[in-house]
Amino acid sequence: MKVNELQDKGSIDEITLKITEKQQPRSMRGETLHVCNLTGEDETGSVVIALWNDDIDKVNVGNKITIKEGWARVFNNEMQVSRGKNGILEVVTE
């Protein structure tokens, strides 16, 4: 799947993205959850990636990641993707 194929409230079989930006993580629900927004891109465009808790430290700018069995949705007028609770996040080694 490519960025230009993402649909609001759609599922992601598999997407590979290069990380171009990583924001500072922020706490939610009284420090019990942490979320971090990143920007990832492929040859068709860019998309916001939401990473949660332990996944945040696994990914840095310049990495390539693959998300399998994740989801896509429009949030704050931007397309966003995440692995969700049951998806898989892999850092691609070349």
PDB file of N, CA and C in Angstrom:
ATOM      1  N   MET A   1       0.847  -1.174   0.000  1.00  0.00           N
ATOM      2  CA  MET A   1       0.000   0.000   0.000  1.00  0.00           C
ATOM      3  C   MET A   1       0.893   1.238   0.000  1.00  0.00           C
ATOM      4  N   LYS A   2       0.415   2.297  -0.642  1.00  0.00           N
ATOM      5  CA  LYS A   2       1.120   3.569  -0.731  1.00  0.00           C
ATOM      6  C   LYS A   2       0.308   4.660  -0.041  1.00  0.00           C
ATOM      7  N   VAL A   3       0.978   5.776   0.291  1.00  0.00           N
ATOM      8  CA  VAL A   3       0.319   6.884   0.977  1.00  0.00           C
ATOM      9  C   VAL A   3      -0.901   7.372   0.195  1.00  0.00           C
ATOM     10  N   ASN A   4      -0.791   7.471  -1.118  1.00  0.00           N
ATOM     11  CA  ASN A   4      -1.906   8.003  -1.905  1.00  0.00           C
ATOM     12  C   ASN A   4      -3.090   7.044  -1.989  1.00  0.00           C
ATOM     13  N   GLU A   5      -2.965   5.837  -1.455  1.00  0.00           N
ATOM     14  CA  GLU A   5      -4.060   4.867  -1.442  1.00  0.00           C
ATOM     15  C   GLU A   5      -4.792   4.809  -0.101  1.00  0.00           C
ATOM     16  N   LEU A   6      -4.298   5.535   0.905  1.00  0.00           N
ATOM     17  CA  LEU A   6      -4.908   5.500   2.236  1.00  0.00           C
ATOM     18  C   LEU A   6      -6.299   6.115   2.209  1.00  0.00           C
ATOM     19  N   GLN A   7      -7.210   5.512   2.964  1.00  0.00           N
ATOM     20  CA  GLN A   7      -8.574   6.009   3.059  1.00  0.00           C
ATOM     21  C   GLN A   7      -8.956   6.175   4.521  1.00  0.00           C
ATOM     22  N   ASP A   8      -9.763   7.203   4.789  1.00  0.00           N
ATOM     23  CA  ASP A   8     -10.237   7.463   6.144  1.00  0.00           C
ATOM     24  C   ASP A   8     -10.964   6.235   6.688  1.00  0.00           C
ATOM     25  N   LYS A   9     -10.628   5.858   7.899  1.00  0.00           N
ATOM     26  CA  LYS A   9     -11.209   4.702   8.590  1.00  0.00           C
ATOM     27  C   LYS A   9     -10.931   3.397   7.849  1.00  0.00           C
ATOM     28  N   GLY A  10      -9.802   3.369   7.137  1.00  0.00           N
ATOM     29  CA  GLY A  10      -9.436   2.180   6.383  1.00  0.00           C
ATOM     30  C   GLY A  10      -8.378   1.361   7.096  1.00  0.00           C
ATOM     31  N   SER A  11      -8.279   0.121   6.707  1.00  0.00           N
ATOM     32  CA  SER A  11      -7.249  -0.739   7.269  1.00  0.00           C
ATOM     33  C   SER A  11      -6.019  -0.705   6.370  1.00  0.00           C
ATOM     34  N   ILE A  12      -4.886  -1.050   6.955  1.00  0.00           N
ATOM     35  CA  ILE A  12      -3.618  -1.086   6.230  1.00  0.00           C
ATOM     36  C   ILE A  12      -3.092  -2.509   6.290  1.00  0.00           C
ATOM     37  N   ASP A  13      -2.999  -3.152   5.142  1.00  0.00           N
ATOM     38  CA  ASP A  13      -2.384  -4.478   5.100  1.00  0.00           C
ATOM     39  C   ASP A  13      -0.897  -4.347   5.397  1.00  0.00           C
ATOM     40  N   GLU A  14      -0.228  -3.471   4.639  1.00  0.00           N
ATOM     41  CA  GLU A  14       1.204  -3.226   4.837  1.00  0.00           C
ATOM     42  C   GLU A  14       1.586  -1.931   4.134  1.00  0.00           C
ATOM     43  N   ILE A  15       2.360  -1.086   4.832  1.00  0.00           N
ATOM     44  CA  ILE A  15       2.870   0.150   4.255  1.00  0.00           C
ATOM     45  C   ILE A  15       4.285   0.370   4.784  1.00  0.00           C
ATOM     46  N   THR A  16       5.179   0.802   3.903  1.00  0.00           N
ATOM     47  CA  THR A  16       6.563   1.093   4.283  1.00  0.00           C
ATOM     48  C   THR A  16       6.811   2.582   4.063  1.00  0.00           C
ATOM     49  N   LEU A  17       7.365   3.237   5.097  1.00  0.00           N
ATOM     50  CA  LEU A  17       7.554   4.682   5.083  1.00  0.00           C
ATOM     51  C   LEU A  17       8.937   5.049   5.599  1.00  0.00           C
ATOM     52  N   LYS A  18       9.520   6.103   5.038  1.00  0.00           N
ATOM     53  CA  LYS A  18      10.766   6.657   5.559  1.00  0.00           C
ATOM     54  C   LYS A  18      10.409   7.793   6.507  1.00  0.00           C
ATOM     55  N   ILE A  19      10.996   7.790   7.700  1.00  0.00           N
ATOM     56  CA  ILE A  19      10.688   8.803   8.715  1.00  0.00           C
ATOM     57  C   ILE A  19      11.481  10.070   8.419  1.00  0.00           C
ATOM     58  N   THR A  20      10.757  11.194   8.268  1.00  0.00           N
ATOM     59  CA  THR A  20      11.400  12.471   7.959  1.00  0.00           C
ATOM     60  C   THR A  20      11.320  13.473   9.106  1.00  0.00           C
ATOM     61  N   GLU A  21      10.451  13.215  10.076  1.00  0.00           N
ATOM     62  CA  GLU A  21      10.301  14.127  11.215  1.00  0.00           C
ATOM     63  C   GLU A  21       9.765  13.357  12.408  1.00  0.00           C
ATOM     64  N   LYS A  22      10.241  13.727  13.608  1.00  0.00           N
ATOM     65  CA  LYS A  22       9.743  13.122  14.850  1.00  0.00           C
ATOM     66  C   LYS A  22       9.520  14.240  15.861  1.00  0.00           C
ATOM     67  N   GLN A  23       8.284  14.363  16.335  1.00  0.00           N
ATOM     68  CA  GLN A  23       7.959  15.370  17.332  1.00  0.00           C
ATOM     69  C   GLN A  23       8.282  14.849  18.734  1.00  0.00           C
ATOM     70  N   GLN A  24       8.214  15.727  19.705  1.00  0.00           N
ATOM     71  CA  GLN A  24       8.416  15.331  21.093  1.00  0.00           C
ATOM     72  C   GLN A  24       7.230  14.494  21.563  1.00  0.00           C
ATOM     73  N   PRO A  25       7.482  13.386  22.259  1.00  0.00           N
ATOM     74  CA  PRO A  25       6.368  12.597  22.820  1.00  0.00           C
ATOM     75  C   PRO A  25       5.591  13.420  23.840  1.00  0.00           C
ATOM     76  N   ARG A  26       4.316  13.099  23.981  1.00  0.00           N
ATOM     77  CA  ARG A  26       3.491  13.775  24.980  1.00  0.00           C
ATOM     78  C   ARG A  26       2.712  12.731  25.775  1.00  0.00           C
ATOM     79  N   SER A  27       2.360  13.101  26.990  1.00  0.00           N
ATOM     80  CA  SER A  27       1.636  12.199  27.881  1.00  0.00           C
ATOM     81  C   SER A  27       0.150  12.407  27.743  1.00  0.00           C
ATOM     82  N   MET A  28      -0.583  11.317  27.953  1.00  0.00           N
ATOM     83  CA  MET A  28      -2.039  11.372  27.932  1.00  0.00           C
ATOM     84  C   MET A  28      -2.553  10.546  29.108  1.00  0.00           C
ATOM     85  N   ARG A  29      -3.773  10.840  29.500  1.00  0.00           N
ATOM     86  CA  ARG A  29      -4.437  10.109  30.581  1.00  0.00           C
ATOM     87  C   ARG A  29      -3.580  10.043  31.854  1.00  0.00           C
ATOM     88  N   GLY A  30      -3.101  11.204  32.270  1.00  0.00           N
ATOM     89  CA  GLY A  30      -2.370  11.275  33.524  1.00  0.00           C
ATOM     90  C   GLY A  30      -1.060  10.505  33.513  1.00  0.00           C
ATOM     91  N   GLU A  31      -0.310  10.627  32.443  1.00  0.00           N
ATOM     92  CA  GLU A  31       1.021  10.007  32.330  1.00  0.00           C
ATOM     93  C   GLU A  31       1.006   8.507  32.090  1.00  0.00           C
ATOM     94  N   THR A  32      -0.140   7.866  31.959  1.00  0.00           N
ATOM     95  CA  THR A  32      -0.145   6.414  31.756  1.00  0.00           C
ATOM     96  C   THR A  32       0.097   6.032  30.302  1.00  0.00           C
ATOM     97  N   LEU A  33      -0.188   6.935  29.383  1.00  0.00           N
ATOM     98  CA  LEU A  33       0.051   6.682  27.963  1.00  0.00           C
ATOM     99  C   LEU A  33       0.937   7.780  27.398  1.00  0.00           C
ATOM    100  N   HIS A  34       1.780   7.403  26.447  1.00  0.00           N
ATOM    101  CA  HIS A  34       2.612   8.375  25.751  1.00  0.00           C
ATOM    102  C   HIS A  34       2.380   8.188  24.255  1.00  0.00           C
ATOM    103  N   VAL A  35       2.288   9.304  23.546  1.00  0.00           N
ATOM    104  CA  VAL A  35       2.078   9.264  22.107  1.00  0.00           C
ATOM    105  C   VAL A  35       3.068  10.229  21.451  1.00  0.00           C
ATOM    106  N   CYS A  36       3.497   9.876  20.252  1.00  0.00           N
ATOM    107  CA  CYS A  36       4.426  10.699  19.498  1.00  0.00           C
ATOM    108  C   CYS A  36       3.999  10.701  18.040  1.00  0.00           C
ATOM    109  N   ASN A  37       3.936  11.880  17.440  1.00  0.00           N
ATOM    110  CA  ASN A  37       3.627  11.991  16.022  1.00  0.00           C
ATOM    111  C   ASN A  37       4.914  12.096  15.225  1.00  0.00           C
ATOM    112  N   LEU A  38       4.971  11.348  14.158  1.00  0.00           N
ATOM    113  CA  LEU A  38       6.086  11.378  13.231  1.00  0.00           C
ATOM    114  C   LEU A  38       5.533  11.664  11.847  1.00  0.00           C
ATOM    115  N   THR A  39       6.402  12.044  10.937  1.00  0.00           N
ATOM    116  CA  THR A  39       6.023  12.175   9.537  1.00  0.00           C
ATOM    117  C   THR A  39       6.782  11.113   8.762  1.00  0.00           C
ATOM    118  N   GLY A  40       6.042  10.372   7.948  1.00  0.00           N
ATOM    119  CA  GLY A  40       6.645   9.355   7.103  1.00  0.00           C
ATOM    120  C   GLY A  40       6.256   9.604   5.662  1.00  0.00           C
ATOM    121  N   GLU A  41       7.114   9.158   4.748  1.00  0.00           N
ATOM    122  CA  GLU A  41       6.803   9.375   3.336  1.00  0.00           C
ATOM    123  C   GLU A  41       7.224   8.193   2.486  1.00  0.00           C
ATOM    124  N   ASP A  42       6.552   8.098   1.355  1.00  0.00           N
ATOM    125  CA  ASP A  42       6.971   7.188   0.297  1.00  0.00           C
ATOM    126  C   ASP A  42       6.971   8.011  -0.984  1.00  0.00           C
ATOM    127  N   GLU A  43       7.120   7.372  -2.115  1.00  0.00           N
ATOM    128  CA  GLU A  43       7.215   8.118  -3.372  1.00  0.00           C
ATOM    129  C   GLU A  43       5.915   8.801  -3.777  1.00  0.00           C
ATOM    130  N   THR A  44       4.803   8.508  -3.089  1.00  0.00           N
ATOM    131  CA  THR A  44       3.514   9.099  -3.462  1.00  0.00           C
ATOM    132  C   THR A  44       3.056  10.223  -2.531  1.00  0.00           C
ATOM    133  N   GLY A  45       3.747  10.429  -1.403  1.00  0.00           N
ATOM    134  CA  GLY A  45       3.340  11.492  -0.488  1.00  0.00           C
ATOM    135  C   GLY A  45       3.798  11.249   0.933  1.00  0.00           C
ATOM    136  N   SER A  46       3.283  12.076   1.857  1.00  0.00           N
ATOM    137  CA  SER A  46       3.652  11.953   3.266  1.00  0.00           C
ATOM    138  C   SER A  46       2.401  11.802   4.122  1.00  0.00           C
ATOM    139  N   VAL A  47       2.608  11.278   5.341  1.00  0.00           N
ATOM    140  CA  VAL A  47       1.498  10.993   6.236  1.00  0.00           C
ATOM    141  C   VAL A  47       1.989  11.096   7.680  1.00  0.00           C
ATOM    142  N   VAL A  48       1.090  11.451   8.595  1.00  0.00           N
ATOM    143  CA  VAL A  48       1.389  11.475  10.023  1.00  0.00           C
ATOM    144  C   VAL A  48       1.299  10.047  10.552  1.00  0.00           C
ATOM    145  N   ILE A  49       2.264   9.683  11.393  1.00  0.00           N
ATOM    146  CA  ILE A  49       2.286   8.361  12.026  1.00  0.00           C
ATOM    147  C   ILE A  49       2.169   8.577  13.526  1.00  0.00           C
ATOM    148  N   ALA A  50       1.225   7.904  14.158  1.00  0.00           N
ATOM    149  CA  ALA A  50       1.072   7.976  15.610  1.00  0.00           C
ATOM    150  C   ALA A  50       1.704   6.727  16.221  1.00  0.00           C
ATOM    151  N   LEU A  51       2.712   6.944  17.061  1.00  0.00           N
ATOM    152  CA  LEU A  51       3.341   5.837  17.786  1.00  0.00           C
ATOM    153  C   LEU A  51       3.024   5.974  19.265  1.00  0.00           C
ATOM    154  N   TRP A  52       2.833   4.841  19.915  1.00  0.00           N
ATOM    155  CA  TRP A  52       2.443   4.818  21.323  1.00  0.00           C
ATOM    156  C   TRP A  52       3.482   4.081  22.158  1.00  0.00           C
ATOM    157  N   ASN A  53       3.691   4.562  23.366  1.00  0.00           N
ATOM    158  CA  ASN A  53       4.481   3.920  24.416  1.00  0.00           C
ATOM    159  C   ASN A  53       5.813   3.365  23.926  1.00  0.00           C
ATOM    160  N   ASP A  54       6.055   2.059  24.046  1.00  0.00           N
ATOM    161  CA  ASP A  54       7.361   1.469  23.737  1.00  0.00           C
ATOM    162  C   ASP A  54       7.780   1.639  22.280  1.00  0.00           C
ATOM    163  N   ASP A  55       6.822   1.794  21.367  1.00  0.00           N
ATOM    164  CA  ASP A  55       7.171   1.968  19.951  1.00  0.00           C
ATOM    165  C   ASP A  55       7.912   3.279  19.698  1.00  0.00           C
ATOM    166  N   ILE A  56       7.702   4.290  20.540  1.00  0.00           N
ATOM    167  CA  ILE A  56       8.291   5.614  20.326  1.00  0.00           C
ATOM    168  C   ILE A  56       9.807   5.542  20.255  1.00  0.00           C
ATOM    169  N   ASP A  57      10.438   4.815  21.163  1.00  0.00           N
ATOM    170  CA  ASP A  57      11.903   4.749  21.214  1.00  0.00           C
ATOM    171  C   ASP A  57      12.505   3.861  20.131  1.00  0.00           C
ATOM    172  N   LYS A  58      11.706   3.080  19.452  1.00  0.00           N
ATOM    173  CA  LYS A  58      12.206   2.181  18.402  1.00  0.00           C
ATOM    174  C   LYS A  58      12.501   2.899  17.095  1.00  0.00           C
ATOM    175  N   VAL A  59      11.919   4.090  16.894  1.00  0.00           N
ATOM    176  CA  VAL A  59      11.939   4.740  15.582  1.00  0.00           C
ATOM    177  C   VAL A  59      12.563   6.129  15.676  1.00  0.00           C
ATOM    178  N   ASN A  60      13.460   6.438  14.731  1.00  0.00           N
ATOM    179  CA  ASN A  60      14.110   7.741  14.666  1.00  0.00           C
ATOM    180  C   ASN A  60      14.079   8.277  13.237  1.00  0.00           C
ATOM    181  N   VAL A  61      14.336   9.567  13.102  1.00  0.00           N
ATOM    182  CA  VAL A  61      14.404  10.189  11.780  1.00  0.00           C
ATOM    183  C   VAL A  61      15.457   9.460  10.948  1.00  0.00           C
ATOM    184  N   GLY A  62      15.103   9.171   9.706  1.00  0.00           N
ATOM    185  CA  GLY A  62      15.989   8.455   8.803  1.00  0.00           C
ATOM    186  C   GLY A  62      15.695   6.975   8.704  1.00  0.00           C
ATOM    187  N   ASN A  63      14.990   6.420   9.711  1.00  0.00           N
ATOM    188  CA  ASN A  63      14.607   5.005   9.666  1.00  0.00           C
ATOM    189  C   ASN A  63      13.541   4.780   8.608  1.00  0.00           C
ATOM    190  N   LYS A  64      13.479   3.546   8.126  1.00  0.00           N
ATOM    191  CA  LYS A  64      12.337   3.082   7.341  1.00  0.00           C
ATOM    192  C   LYS A  64      11.569   2.128   8.227  1.00  0.00           C
ATOM    193  N   ILE A  65      10.241   2.263   8.221  1.00  0.00           N
ATOM    194  CA  ILE A  65       9.403   1.373   9.020  1.00  0.00           C
ATOM    195  C   ILE A  65       8.352   0.726   8.135  1.00  0.00           C
ATOM    196  N   THR A  66       7.896  -0.430   8.577  1.00  0.00           N
ATOM    197  CA  THR A  66       6.766  -1.094   7.945  1.00  0.00           C
ATOM    198  C   THR A  66       5.690  -1.279   9.006  1.00  0.00           C
ATOM    199  N   ILE A  67       4.478  -0.884   8.676  1.00  0.00           N
ATOM    200  CA  ILE A  67       3.314  -1.120   9.529  1.00  0.00           C
ATOM    201  C   ILE A  67       2.456  -2.160   8.834  1.00  0.00           C
ATOM    202  N   LYS A  68       2.142  -3.229   9.553  1.00  0.00           N
ATOM    203  CA  LYS A  68       1.280  -4.289   9.034  1.00  0.00           C
ATOM    204  C   LYS A  68       0.035  -4.377   9.901  1.00  0.00           C
ATOM    205  N   GLU A  69      -1.099  -4.577   9.266  1.00  0.00           N
ATOM    206  CA  GLU A  69      -2.379  -4.748   9.950  1.00  0.00           C
ATOM    207  C   GLU A  69      -2.720  -3.556  10.836  1.00  0.00           C
ATOM    208  N   GLY A  70      -2.414  -2.348  10.348  1.00  0.00           N
ATOM    209  CA  GLY A  70      -2.704  -1.123  11.074  1.00  0.00           C
ATOM    210  C   GLY A  70      -3.972  -0.464  10.560  1.00  0.00           C
ATOM    211  N   TRP A  71      -4.106   0.825  10.868  1.00  0.00           N
ATOM    212  CA  TRP A  71      -5.281   1.564  10.444  1.00  0.00           C
ATOM    213  C   TRP A  71      -4.895   2.953   9.958  1.00  0.00           C
ATOM    214  N   ALA A  72      -5.790   3.568   9.205  1.00  0.00           N
ATOM    215  CA  ALA A  72      -5.638   4.944   8.734  1.00  0.00           C
ATOM    216  C   ALA A  72      -6.923   5.698   9.048  1.00  0.00           C
ATOM    217  N   ARG A  73      -6.774   6.977   9.377  1.00  0.00           N
ATOM    218  CA  ARG A  73      -7.954   7.817   9.588  1.00  0.00           C
ATOM    219  C   ARG A  73      -7.545   9.277   9.479  1.00  0.00           C
ATOM    220  N   VAL A  74      -8.526  10.124   9.216  1.00  0.00           N
ATOM    221  CA  VAL A  74      -8.292  11.558   9.191  1.00  0.00           C
ATOM    222  C   VAL A  74      -8.514  12.083  10.608  1.00  0.00           C
ATOM    223  N   PHE A  75      -7.500  12.784  11.140  1.00  0.00           N
ATOM    224  CA  PHE A  75      -7.558  13.367  12.476  1.00  0.00           C
ATOM    225  C   PHE A  75      -6.995  14.777  12.364  1.00  0.00           C
ATOM    226  N   ASN A  76      -7.739  15.774  12.828  1.00  0.00           N
ATOM    227  CA  ASN A  76      -7.345  17.179  12.702  1.00  0.00           C
ATOM    228  C   ASN A  76      -7.020  17.532  11.249  1.00  0.00           C
ATOM    229  N   ASN A  77      -7.838  17.065  10.339  1.00  0.00           N
ATOM    230  CA  ASN A  77      -7.729  17.337   8.902  1.00  0.00           C
ATOM    231  C   ASN A  77      -6.461  16.787   8.254  1.00  0.00           C
ATOM    232  N   GLU A  78      -5.808  15.824   8.888  1.00  0.00           N
ATOM    233  CA  GLU A  78      -4.640  15.179   8.313  1.00  0.00           C
ATOM    234  C   GLU A  78      -4.822  13.667   8.344  1.00  0.00           C
ATOM    235  N   MET A  79      -4.383  13.008   7.280  1.00  0.00           N
ATOM    236  CA  MET A  79      -4.389  11.549   7.283  1.00  0.00           C
ATOM    237  C   MET A  79      -3.334  11.079   8.279  1.00  0.00           C
ATOM    238  N   GLN A  80      -3.702  10.092   9.072  1.00  0.00           N
ATOM    239  CA  GLN A  80      -2.831   9.563  10.110  1.00  0.00           C
ATOM    240  C   GLN A  80      -2.868   8.040  10.046  1.00  0.00           C
ATOM    241  N   VAL A  81      -1.732   7.403  10.309  1.00  0.00           N
ATOM    242  CA  VAL A  81      -1.675   5.949  10.358  1.00  0.00           C
ATOM    243  C   VAL A  81      -1.076   5.505  11.679  1.00  0.00           C
ATOM    244  N   SER A  82      -1.409   4.285  12.083  1.00  0.00           N
ATOM    245  CA  SER A  82      -0.878   3.705  13.307  1.00  0.00           C
ATOM    246  C   SER A  82      -0.977   2.190  13.205  1.00  0.00           C
ATOM    247  N   ARG A  83      -0.174   1.504  13.996  1.00  0.00           N
ATOM    248  CA  ARG A  83      -0.290   0.048  14.026  1.00  0.00           C
ATOM    249  C   ARG A  83      -1.471  -0.371  14.874  1.00  0.00           C
ATOM    250  N   GLY A  84      -1.981   0.521  15.724  1.00  0.00           N
ATOM    251  CA  GLY A  84      -3.093   0.183  16.596  1.00  0.00           C
ATOM    252  C   GLY A  84      -2.667  -0.817  17.653  1.00  0.00           C
ATOM    253  N   LYS A  85      -3.627  -1.482  18.252  1.00  0.00           N
ATOM    254  CA  LYS A  85      -3.333  -2.443  19.321  1.00  0.00           C
ATOM    255  C   LYS A  85      -2.825  -3.768  18.796  1.00  0.00           C
ATOM    256  N   ASN A  86      -3.309  -4.196  17.648  1.00  0.00           N
ATOM    257  CA  ASN A  86      -3.002  -5.539  17.169  1.00  0.00           C
ATOM    258  C   ASN A  86      -2.086  -5.585  15.958  1.00  0.00           C
ATOM    259  N   GLY A  87      -1.702  -4.427  15.440  1.00  0.00           N
ATOM    260  CA  GLY A  87      -0.838  -4.388  14.271  1.00  0.00           C
ATOM    261  C   GLY A  87       0.621  -4.636  14.632  1.00  0.00           C
ATOM    262  N   ILE A  88       1.452  -4.595  13.610  1.00  0.00           N
ATOM    263  CA  ILE A  88       2.881  -4.883  13.761  1.00  0.00           C
ATOM    264  C   ILE A  88       3.667  -3.691  13.232  1.00  0.00           C
ATOM    265  N   LEU A  89       4.659  -3.245  13.995  1.00  0.00           N
ATOM    266  CA  LEU A  89       5.584  -2.202  13.589  1.00  0.00           C
ATOM    267  C   LEU A  89       6.967  -2.822  13.481  1.00  0.00           C
ATOM    268  N   GLU A  90       7.603  -2.677  12.322  1.00  0.00           N
ATOM    269  CA  GLU A  90       8.961  -3.187  12.133  1.00  0.00           C
ATOM    270  C   GLU A  90       9.843  -2.049  11.625  1.00  0.00           C
ATOM    271  N   VAL A  91      11.052  -1.947  12.195  1.00  0.00           N
ATOM    272  CA  VAL A  91      12.052  -1.036  11.656  1.00  0.00           C
ATOM    273  C   VAL A  91      12.808  -1.836  10.605  1.00  0.00           C
ATOM    274  N   VAL A  92      12.847  -1.304   9.373  1.00  0.00           N
ATOM    275  CA  VAL A  92      13.453  -1.998   8.247  1.00  0.00           C
ATOM    276  C   VAL A  92      14.956  -1.771   8.268  1.00  0.00           C
ATOM    277  N   THR A  93      15.707  -2.845   8.234  1.00  0.00           N
ATOM    278  CA  THR A  93      17.157  -2.732   8.129  1.00  0.00           C
ATOM    279  C   THR A  93      17.562  -3.041   6.698  1.00  0.00           C
ATOM    280  N   GLU A  94      18.412  -2.211   6.164  1.00  0.00           N
ATOM    281  CA  GLU A  94      18.788  -2.383   4.760  1.00  0.00           C
ATOM    282  C   GLU A  94      20.171  -2.952   4.631  1.00  0.00           C
TER     283      GLU A  94
END
